[in-house]
């Protein structure tokens, strides 16, 4: 997906694969043409496939007479449809998710797991594992950044290495 508009914070957002696009006020064109604000490179999508018109109160989706049509939450649409938070938009073979950005929502942090560092190769791995999957060592050491809050055994690092790569030789 390509976007040629400056990214400004909006009340609404589209998510496509691992990308998110803030929808500014006004019209956002979606298609595979270079003149579209959101360009999706897919042969099943028309050059100017659809548009979303955003104002202060709502967002309206409209198919622009595309050959393969558009679906929202699995249903083909005709004309304009007002979008709601969580709507799934199918354009050609691609799916986009529409969401409303809530500015007054609180962020909740939660621990999703813990890591430790190998004393032998200094690689990061899940604390629940009994041994380092990179080198097989059972000794735990300090993090490459010096933090020891999650480390069980403390051993000074002898060299720095990338946590995701194979052990150096």
N, C-alpha and C. Protein backbone atom coordinates (compact mmCIF):
# COMPACT_ATOMS: atom_id res chain seq x y z
N UNK A 1 0.86 -1.17 0.00
CA UNK A 1 0.00 0.00 0.00
C UNK A 1 0.90 1.22 0.00
N UNK A 2 0.59 2.20 -0.83
CA UNK A 2 1.34 3.44 -0.90
C UNK A 2 0.40 4.58 -0.55
N UNK A 3 0.91 5.56 0.15
CA UNK A 3 0.13 6.74 0.48
C UNK A 3 0.95 7.97 0.15
N UNK A 4 0.35 8.91 -0.60
CA UNK A 4 1.09 10.12 -0.95
C UNK A 4 0.66 11.32 -0.14
N UNK A 5 -0.24 11.14 0.81
CA UNK A 5 -0.68 12.23 1.68
C UNK A 5 0.16 12.29 2.93
N UNK A 6 0.35 13.49 3.46
CA UNK A 6 1.05 13.55 4.75
C UNK A 6 0.20 12.89 5.82
N UNK A 7 0.84 12.16 6.72
CA UNK A 7 0.12 11.46 7.77
C UNK A 7 -0.27 12.45 8.88
N UNK A 8 -1.53 12.72 9.00
CA UNK A 8 -2.01 13.60 10.06
C UNK A 8 -2.92 12.79 10.96
N UNK A 9 -2.96 13.15 12.20
CA UNK A 9 -3.81 12.43 13.14
C UNK A 9 -5.26 12.69 12.81
N UNK A 10 -6.02 11.61 12.69
CA UNK A 10 -7.42 11.74 12.37
C UNK A 10 -8.27 10.99 13.38
N UNK A 11 -9.55 11.12 13.24
CA UNK A 11 -10.46 10.40 14.11
C UNK A 11 -10.67 8.98 13.63
N UNK A 12 -10.39 8.73 12.35
CA UNK A 12 -10.62 7.43 11.76
C UNK A 12 -9.34 6.90 11.13
N UNK A 13 -9.26 5.57 11.04
CA UNK A 13 -8.04 4.94 10.55
C UNK A 13 -8.39 3.68 9.77
N UNK A 14 -7.59 3.38 8.74
CA UNK A 14 -7.69 2.14 7.99
C UNK A 14 -6.45 1.30 8.28
N UNK A 15 -6.64 0.01 8.51
CA UNK A 15 -5.52 -0.90 8.69
C UNK A 15 -5.52 -1.88 7.52
N UNK A 16 -4.35 -2.01 6.90
CA UNK A 16 -4.18 -2.90 5.76
C UNK A 16 -2.88 -3.65 5.97
N UNK A 17 -2.97 -4.96 6.12
CA UNK A 17 -1.82 -5.80 6.46
C UNK A 17 -1.18 -5.25 7.72
N UNK A 18 0.05 -4.82 7.69
CA UNK A 18 0.70 -4.31 8.90
C UNK A 18 0.81 -2.80 8.91
N UNK A 19 0.08 -2.13 8.03
CA UNK A 19 0.15 -0.68 7.93
C UNK A 19 -1.16 -0.07 8.41
N UNK A 20 -1.06 1.15 8.94
CA UNK A 20 -2.25 1.90 9.31
C UNK A 20 -2.18 3.25 8.63
N UNK A 21 -3.34 3.72 8.19
CA UNK A 21 -3.43 5.00 7.49
C UNK A 21 -4.48 5.84 8.18
N UNK A 22 -4.08 7.00 8.71
CA UNK A 22 -5.03 7.92 9.33
C UNK A 22 -5.83 8.60 8.22
N UNK A 23 -7.14 8.62 8.36
CA UNK A 23 -8.01 9.23 7.37
C UNK A 23 -8.25 10.70 7.73
N UNK A 24 -7.76 11.63 6.93
CA UNK A 24 -7.98 13.05 7.21
C UNK A 24 -9.40 13.45 6.83
N UNK A 25 -9.81 14.64 7.24
CA UNK A 25 -11.11 15.16 6.83
C UNK A 25 -11.14 15.31 5.31
N UNK A 26 -12.27 15.02 4.71
CA UNK A 26 -12.40 15.12 3.27
C UNK A 26 -12.43 13.75 2.61
N UNK A 27 -12.10 13.73 1.32
CA UNK A 27 -12.20 12.51 0.53
C UNK A 27 -10.84 11.83 0.43
N UNK A 28 -10.86 10.52 0.63
CA UNK A 28 -9.69 9.67 0.45
C UNK A 28 -10.01 8.67 -0.65
N UNK A 29 -9.27 8.71 -1.76
CA UNK A 29 -9.47 7.78 -2.87
C UNK A 29 -8.64 6.53 -2.65
N UNK A 30 -9.24 5.37 -2.95
CA UNK A 30 -8.56 4.08 -2.81
C UNK A 30 -8.60 3.38 -4.16
N UNK A 31 -7.48 2.87 -4.61
CA UNK A 31 -7.41 2.13 -5.87
C UNK A 31 -5.98 1.78 -6.20
N UNK A 32 -5.74 1.36 -7.44
CA UNK A 32 -4.36 1.04 -7.82
C UNK A 32 -3.73 2.12 -8.68
N UNK A 33 -4.47 3.19 -8.97
CA UNK A 33 -3.94 4.30 -9.76
C UNK A 33 -3.03 5.21 -8.96
N UNK A 34 -2.12 5.87 -9.67
CA UNK A 34 -1.18 6.79 -9.01
C UNK A 34 -1.86 8.03 -8.45
N UNK A 35 -3.06 8.36 -8.93
CA UNK A 35 -3.76 9.54 -8.43
C UNK A 35 -4.55 9.28 -7.15
N UNK A 36 -4.52 8.04 -6.65
CA UNK A 36 -5.25 7.70 -5.42
C UNK A 36 -4.42 8.06 -4.19
N UNK A 37 -5.10 8.36 -3.11
CA UNK A 37 -4.44 8.67 -1.85
C UNK A 37 -3.88 7.40 -1.21
N UNK A 38 -4.62 6.31 -1.34
CA UNK A 38 -4.16 5.00 -0.89
C UNK A 38 -4.10 4.11 -2.11
N UNK A 39 -2.89 3.70 -2.48
CA UNK A 39 -2.69 2.87 -3.66
C UNK A 39 -2.38 1.45 -3.21
N UNK A 40 -3.18 0.50 -3.70
CA UNK A 40 -2.96 -0.92 -3.39
C UNK A 40 -2.66 -1.61 -4.71
N UNK A 41 -1.50 -2.22 -4.79
CA UNK A 41 -1.05 -2.86 -6.03
C UNK A 41 -1.62 -4.27 -6.10
N UNK A 42 -2.79 -4.37 -6.73
CA UNK A 42 -3.49 -5.65 -6.88
C UNK A 42 -4.28 -5.57 -8.17
N UNK A 43 -4.12 -6.53 -9.10
CA UNK A 43 -4.82 -6.46 -10.38
C UNK A 43 -6.34 -6.57 -10.28
N UNK A 44 -6.86 -7.05 -9.16
CA UNK A 44 -8.32 -7.15 -9.00
C UNK A 44 -8.94 -5.85 -8.50
N UNK A 45 -8.12 -4.83 -8.31
CA UNK A 45 -8.60 -3.53 -7.84
C UNK A 45 -8.55 -2.55 -9.00
N UNK A 46 -9.63 -1.79 -9.16
CA UNK A 46 -9.72 -0.78 -10.22
C UNK A 46 -8.78 0.38 -9.93
N UNK A 47 -8.49 1.16 -10.97
CA UNK A 47 -7.60 2.32 -10.79
C UNK A 47 -8.16 3.29 -9.76
N UNK A 48 -9.44 3.56 -9.83
CA UNK A 48 -10.15 4.36 -8.82
C UNK A 48 -11.30 3.50 -8.34
N UNK A 49 -11.07 2.73 -7.30
CA UNK A 49 -11.99 1.69 -6.87
C UNK A 49 -13.07 2.22 -5.92
N UNK A 50 -12.66 2.99 -4.91
CA UNK A 50 -13.62 3.45 -3.89
C UNK A 50 -13.10 4.74 -3.26
N UNK A 51 -13.98 5.34 -2.46
CA UNK A 51 -13.57 6.52 -1.70
C UNK A 51 -14.23 6.50 -0.34
N UNK A 52 -13.57 7.19 0.58
CA UNK A 52 -14.11 7.38 1.93
C UNK A 52 -14.15 8.88 2.17
N UNK A 53 -15.34 9.36 2.52
CA UNK A 53 -15.53 10.77 2.82
C UNK A 53 -15.67 10.92 4.33
N UNK A 54 -14.74 11.66 4.93
CA UNK A 54 -14.72 11.83 6.38
C UNK A 54 -15.09 13.26 6.73
N UNK A 55 -16.05 13.42 7.64
CA UNK A 55 -16.32 14.74 8.21
C UNK A 55 -16.17 14.61 9.73
N UNK A 56 -16.57 15.60 10.48
CA UNK A 56 -16.36 15.59 11.93
C UNK A 56 -17.20 14.54 12.65
N UNK A 57 -18.28 14.08 12.06
CA UNK A 57 -19.19 13.19 12.76
C UNK A 57 -19.17 11.75 12.29
N UNK A 58 -18.80 11.50 11.03
CA UNK A 58 -18.83 10.13 10.53
C UNK A 58 -17.97 9.97 9.28
N UNK A 59 -17.83 8.72 8.86
CA UNK A 59 -17.09 8.38 7.63
C UNK A 59 -18.01 7.57 6.74
N UNK A 60 -18.05 7.92 5.45
CA UNK A 60 -18.94 7.27 4.49
C UNK A 60 -18.09 6.63 3.40
N UNK A 61 -18.33 5.34 3.13
CA UNK A 61 -17.62 4.59 2.11
C UNK A 61 -18.49 4.49 0.86
N UNK A 62 -17.86 4.59 -0.31
CA UNK A 62 -18.61 4.51 -1.56
C UNK A 62 -17.79 3.79 -2.63
N UNK A 63 -18.41 2.80 -3.28
CA UNK A 63 -17.79 2.13 -4.42
C UNK A 63 -17.93 3.06 -5.62
N UNK A 64 -16.86 3.22 -6.40
CA UNK A 64 -16.87 4.13 -7.54
C UNK A 64 -17.15 3.41 -8.86
N UNK A 65 -18.00 2.39 -8.81
CA UNK A 65 -18.35 1.65 -10.01
C UNK A 65 -17.28 0.67 -10.44
N UNK A 66 -16.56 0.12 -9.48
CA UNK A 66 -15.47 -0.80 -9.78
C UNK A 66 -16.00 -2.09 -10.40
N UNK A 67 -15.14 -2.77 -11.15
CA UNK A 67 -15.53 -4.01 -11.82
C UNK A 67 -15.84 -5.12 -10.82
N UNK A 68 -15.01 -5.28 -9.79
CA UNK A 68 -15.18 -6.38 -8.84
C UNK A 68 -16.00 -6.00 -7.61
N UNK A 69 -16.38 -4.75 -7.49
CA UNK A 69 -17.22 -4.33 -6.37
C UNK A 69 -16.49 -4.26 -5.05
N UNK A 70 -17.27 -3.94 -4.02
CA UNK A 70 -16.75 -3.81 -2.65
C UNK A 70 -17.71 -4.50 -1.70
N UNK A 71 -17.18 -5.04 -0.64
CA UNK A 71 -18.00 -5.64 0.40
C UNK A 71 -17.62 -5.03 1.74
N UNK A 72 -18.61 -4.85 2.56
CA UNK A 72 -18.38 -4.42 3.94
C UNK A 72 -18.98 -5.48 4.84
N UNK A 73 -18.14 -6.04 5.68
CA UNK A 73 -18.53 -7.14 6.58
C UNK A 73 -19.18 -8.29 5.81
N UNK A 74 -18.66 -8.57 4.61
CA UNK A 74 -19.13 -9.70 3.82
C UNK A 74 -20.27 -9.42 2.88
N UNK A 75 -20.91 -8.26 2.95
CA UNK A 75 -22.06 -7.94 2.10
C UNK A 75 -21.65 -6.94 1.02
N UNK A 76 -22.02 -7.25 -0.24
CA UNK A 76 -21.76 -6.31 -1.32
C UNK A 76 -22.55 -5.03 -1.07
N UNK A 77 -21.97 -3.91 -1.42
CA UNK A 77 -22.64 -2.64 -1.19
C UNK A 77 -22.99 -1.98 -2.51
N UNK A 78 -23.99 -1.16 -2.48
CA UNK A 78 -24.38 -0.30 -3.59
C UNK A 78 -24.57 1.09 -3.00
N UNK A 79 -24.02 2.08 -3.65
CA UNK A 79 -24.15 3.45 -3.14
C UNK A 79 -23.23 3.71 -1.98
N UNK A 80 -23.67 4.58 -1.09
CA UNK A 80 -22.85 4.99 0.05
C UNK A 80 -23.27 4.25 1.31
N UNK A 81 -22.27 3.91 2.14
CA UNK A 81 -22.53 3.21 3.40
C UNK A 81 -21.71 3.90 4.49
N UNK A 82 -22.39 4.23 5.61
CA UNK A 82 -21.67 4.82 6.73
C UNK A 82 -20.88 3.72 7.43
N UNK A 83 -19.61 4.01 7.72
CA UNK A 83 -18.73 3.03 8.35
C UNK A 83 -18.82 3.11 9.86
N UNK A 84 -18.65 1.95 10.50
CA UNK A 84 -18.62 1.85 11.97
C UNK A 84 -17.30 1.23 12.40
N UNK A 85 -16.93 1.48 13.63
CA UNK A 85 -15.69 0.94 14.18
C UNK A 85 -15.65 -0.58 14.02
N UNK A 86 -14.57 -1.09 13.46
CA UNK A 86 -14.39 -2.53 13.28
C UNK A 86 -14.90 -3.08 11.96
N UNK A 87 -15.48 -2.25 11.11
CA UNK A 87 -15.96 -2.74 9.81
C UNK A 87 -14.80 -3.28 8.98
N UNK A 88 -15.06 -4.39 8.30
CA UNK A 88 -14.08 -5.00 7.41
C UNK A 88 -14.49 -4.69 5.98
N UNK A 89 -13.58 -4.02 5.27
CA UNK A 89 -13.84 -3.58 3.90
C UNK A 89 -13.06 -4.48 2.96
N UNK A 90 -13.76 -5.15 2.04
CA UNK A 90 -13.11 -6.02 1.06
C UNK A 90 -13.11 -5.28 -0.27
N UNK A 91 -11.90 -5.01 -0.78
CA UNK A 91 -11.72 -4.36 -2.07
C UNK A 91 -10.91 -5.32 -2.93
N UNK A 92 -11.52 -5.86 -3.97
CA UNK A 92 -10.85 -6.89 -4.77
C UNK A 92 -10.59 -8.09 -3.87
N UNK A 93 -9.34 -8.49 -3.77
CA UNK A 93 -9.00 -9.61 -2.88
C UNK A 93 -8.39 -9.13 -1.57
N UNK A 94 -8.35 -7.83 -1.36
CA UNK A 94 -7.70 -7.26 -0.18
C UNK A 94 -8.73 -6.85 0.87
N UNK A 95 -8.35 -6.99 2.15
CA UNK A 95 -9.25 -6.60 3.23
C UNK A 95 -8.60 -5.50 4.07
N UNK A 96 -9.37 -4.45 4.32
CA UNK A 96 -8.96 -3.34 5.16
C UNK A 96 -9.89 -3.30 6.36
N UNK A 97 -9.39 -2.86 7.49
CA UNK A 97 -10.21 -2.75 8.70
C UNK A 97 -10.32 -1.27 9.06
N UNK A 98 -11.56 -0.81 9.21
CA UNK A 98 -11.85 0.57 9.57
C UNK A 98 -11.95 0.66 11.09
N UNK A 99 -11.33 1.68 11.68
CA UNK A 99 -11.45 1.85 13.12
C UNK A 99 -11.59 3.32 13.47
N UNK A 100 -12.24 3.55 14.58
CA UNK A 100 -12.40 4.90 15.10
C UNK A 100 -11.35 5.11 16.18
N UNK A 101 -10.61 6.20 16.08
CA UNK A 101 -9.57 6.50 17.06
C UNK A 101 -10.22 7.23 18.21
N UNK A 102 -10.06 6.68 19.38
CA UNK A 102 -10.64 7.30 20.58
C UNK A 102 -9.54 8.07 21.29
N UNK A 103 -9.69 9.37 21.36
CA UNK A 103 -8.65 10.21 21.95
C UNK A 103 -8.68 10.21 23.47
N UNK A 104 -9.80 9.91 24.08
CA UNK A 104 -9.89 9.96 25.53
C UNK A 104 -9.72 8.58 26.17
N UNK A 105 -9.34 7.57 25.39
CA UNK A 105 -9.18 6.24 25.96
C UNK A 105 -7.86 6.14 26.70
N UNK A 106 -7.83 5.32 27.73
CA UNK A 106 -6.63 5.13 28.51
C UNK A 106 -5.86 3.94 27.96
N UNK A 107 -4.55 4.03 28.06
CA UNK A 107 -3.70 2.93 27.61
C UNK A 107 -3.48 2.00 28.78
N UNK A 108 -3.71 0.72 28.58
CA UNK A 108 -3.52 -0.29 29.62
C UNK A 108 -2.31 -1.13 29.24
N UNK A 109 -1.33 -1.17 30.13
CA UNK A 109 -0.15 -1.97 29.90
C UNK A 109 -0.30 -3.29 30.63
N UNK A 110 0.17 -4.35 30.00
CA UNK A 110 0.15 -5.65 30.65
C UNK A 110 1.42 -6.39 30.27
N UNK A 111 1.86 -7.22 31.16
CA UNK A 111 3.05 -8.00 30.88
C UNK A 111 2.65 -9.18 30.02
N UNK A 112 3.36 -9.37 28.93
CA UNK A 112 3.01 -10.45 28.00
C UNK A 112 4.01 -11.58 28.04
N UNK A 113 5.01 -11.49 28.84
CA UNK A 113 6.03 -12.52 28.94
C UNK A 113 7.29 -11.89 29.47
N UNK A 114 8.26 -12.70 29.73
CA UNK A 114 9.52 -12.15 30.22
C UNK A 114 10.66 -12.79 29.48
N UNK A 115 11.76 -12.07 29.44
CA UNK A 115 12.94 -12.60 28.77
C UNK A 115 14.11 -12.61 29.72
N UNK A 116 15.09 -13.41 29.37
CA UNK A 116 16.35 -13.41 30.10
C UNK A 116 17.45 -13.43 29.05
N UNK A 117 18.67 -13.34 29.52
CA UNK A 117 19.80 -13.28 28.60
C UNK A 117 20.77 -14.41 28.93
N UNK A 118 21.32 -15.01 27.92
CA UNK A 118 22.25 -16.11 28.07
C UNK A 118 23.60 -15.57 28.54
N UNK A 119 24.22 -16.24 29.51
CA UNK A 119 25.53 -15.85 29.99
C UNK A 119 26.62 -16.22 28.98
N UNK A 120 26.34 -17.22 28.15
CA UNK A 120 27.33 -17.66 27.18
C UNK A 120 27.39 -16.80 25.93
N UNK A 121 26.24 -16.60 25.30
CA UNK A 121 26.23 -15.85 24.02
C UNK A 121 25.47 -14.53 24.11
N UNK A 122 24.87 -14.22 25.24
CA UNK A 122 24.15 -12.96 25.50
C UNK A 122 22.93 -12.77 24.62
N UNK A 123 22.36 -13.84 24.10
CA UNK A 123 21.14 -13.77 23.31
C UNK A 123 19.94 -13.69 24.24
N UNK A 124 18.90 -13.01 23.80
CA UNK A 124 17.66 -12.94 24.57
C UNK A 124 16.79 -14.13 24.20
N UNK A 125 16.13 -14.71 25.22
CA UNK A 125 15.20 -15.81 24.98
C UNK A 125 14.16 -15.84 26.09
N UNK A 126 13.10 -16.59 25.90
CA UNK A 126 12.00 -16.64 26.87
C UNK A 126 12.48 -17.19 28.20
N UNK A 127 12.14 -16.51 29.28
CA UNK A 127 12.57 -16.91 30.62
C UNK A 127 12.01 -18.28 31.01
N UNK A 128 10.91 -18.67 30.40
CA UNK A 128 10.29 -19.95 30.73
C UNK A 128 11.09 -21.14 30.19
N UNK A 129 12.00 -20.89 29.26
CA UNK A 129 12.83 -21.97 28.71
C UNK A 129 13.95 -22.29 29.70
N UNK A 130 14.36 -23.56 29.74
CA UNK A 130 15.39 -23.99 30.67
C UNK A 130 16.80 -23.74 30.15
N UNK A 131 16.95 -23.56 28.84
CA UNK A 131 18.27 -23.39 28.25
C UNK A 131 18.18 -22.47 27.05
N UNK A 132 19.32 -21.89 26.67
CA UNK A 132 19.38 -20.95 25.56
C UNK A 132 19.20 -21.70 24.23
N UNK A 133 18.25 -21.32 23.40
CA UNK A 133 18.05 -22.01 22.13
C UNK A 133 19.15 -21.71 21.11
N UNK A 134 19.98 -20.71 21.39
CA UNK A 134 21.04 -20.33 20.45
C UNK A 134 22.31 -21.15 20.67
N UNK A 135 22.71 -21.34 21.96
CA UNK A 135 23.98 -22.03 22.22
C UNK A 135 23.84 -23.21 23.16
N UNK A 136 22.66 -23.38 23.81
CA UNK A 136 22.44 -24.52 24.69
C UNK A 136 22.85 -24.29 26.14
N UNK A 137 23.38 -23.13 26.48
CA UNK A 137 23.82 -22.84 27.84
C UNK A 137 22.62 -22.76 28.78
N UNK A 138 22.83 -23.20 30.03
CA UNK A 138 21.78 -23.09 31.05
C UNK A 138 22.02 -21.92 32.00
N UNK A 139 23.13 -21.20 31.82
CA UNK A 139 23.43 -20.06 32.67
C UNK A 139 22.82 -18.79 32.11
N UNK A 140 22.29 -18.00 32.99
CA UNK A 140 21.68 -16.73 32.58
C UNK A 140 22.59 -15.59 33.01
N UNK A 141 22.61 -14.54 32.19
CA UNK A 141 23.48 -13.40 32.47
C UNK A 141 22.73 -12.10 32.43
N UNK A 142 23.49 -11.00 32.39
CA UNK A 142 22.91 -9.67 32.35
C UNK A 142 22.50 -9.33 30.92
N UNK A 143 21.62 -8.36 30.81
CA UNK A 143 21.23 -7.90 29.49
C UNK A 143 22.37 -7.11 28.87
N UNK A 144 22.42 -7.02 27.55
CA UNK A 144 23.46 -6.22 26.91
C UNK A 144 23.37 -4.74 27.30
N UNK A 145 22.24 -4.32 27.83
CA UNK A 145 22.04 -2.92 28.21
C UNK A 145 22.33 -2.67 29.68
N UNK A 146 22.72 -3.71 30.42
CA UNK A 146 23.08 -3.55 31.82
C UNK A 146 21.95 -3.72 32.80
N UNK A 147 20.71 -3.89 32.35
CA UNK A 147 19.58 -4.05 33.26
C UNK A 147 19.57 -5.47 33.79
N UNK A 148 19.35 -5.65 35.09
CA UNK A 148 19.35 -6.99 35.68
C UNK A 148 18.02 -7.33 36.33
N UNK A 149 17.00 -6.55 36.10
CA UNK A 149 15.75 -6.78 36.80
C UNK A 149 15.08 -8.10 36.45
N UNK A 150 15.36 -8.66 35.25
CA UNK A 150 14.75 -9.92 34.86
C UNK A 150 15.75 -11.08 34.87
N UNK A 151 17.00 -10.81 35.24
CA UNK A 151 18.03 -11.82 35.17
C UNK A 151 18.09 -12.61 36.47
N UNK A 152 18.24 -13.93 36.38
CA UNK A 152 18.34 -14.78 37.56
C UNK A 152 19.77 -14.83 38.09
N UNK A 153 20.72 -15.12 37.21
CA UNK A 153 22.12 -15.17 37.60
C UNK A 153 22.84 -14.06 36.87
N UNK A 154 23.77 -13.42 37.52
CA UNK A 154 24.44 -12.28 36.92
C UNK A 154 25.85 -12.68 36.52
N UNK A 155 26.17 -12.49 35.24
CA UNK A 155 27.52 -12.72 34.73
C UNK A 155 27.83 -11.57 33.79
N UNK A 156 29.00 -10.96 33.88
CA UNK A 156 29.29 -9.82 33.02
C UNK A 156 29.37 -10.23 31.57
N UNK A 157 28.80 -9.42 30.68
CA UNK A 157 28.86 -9.76 29.26
C UNK A 157 30.27 -9.62 28.74
N UNK A 158 30.69 -10.57 27.91
CA UNK A 158 32.03 -10.52 27.34
C UNK A 158 32.02 -9.91 25.95
N UNK A 159 30.90 -9.96 25.27
CA UNK A 159 30.77 -9.34 23.96
C UNK A 159 29.31 -9.09 23.68
N UNK A 160 29.04 -8.13 22.82
CA UNK A 160 27.66 -7.83 22.44
C UNK A 160 27.34 -8.55 21.16
N UNK A 161 26.10 -8.97 21.02
CA UNK A 161 25.66 -9.61 19.79
C UNK A 161 24.19 -9.34 19.59
N UNK A 162 23.73 -9.55 18.39
CA UNK A 162 22.32 -9.37 18.08
C UNK A 162 21.53 -10.52 18.67
N UNK A 163 20.39 -10.19 19.30
CA UNK A 163 19.60 -11.21 19.97
C UNK A 163 18.92 -12.16 19.01
N UNK A 164 18.69 -11.75 17.76
CA UNK A 164 17.92 -12.60 16.86
C UNK A 164 18.78 -13.45 15.94
N UNK A 165 20.07 -13.22 15.90
CA UNK A 165 20.92 -13.96 14.98
C UNK A 165 21.50 -15.21 15.60
N UNK A 166 22.15 -16.04 14.81
CA UNK A 166 22.78 -17.24 15.35
C UNK A 166 24.02 -16.86 16.14
N UNK A 167 24.48 -17.72 17.04
CA UNK A 167 25.66 -17.37 17.84
C UNK A 167 26.87 -17.20 16.95
N UNK A 168 27.74 -16.24 17.33
CA UNK A 168 28.95 -15.97 16.57
C UNK A 168 30.00 -17.04 16.80
N UNK A 169 30.91 -17.13 15.90
CA UNK A 169 31.97 -18.14 16.02
C UNK A 169 33.30 -17.47 16.11
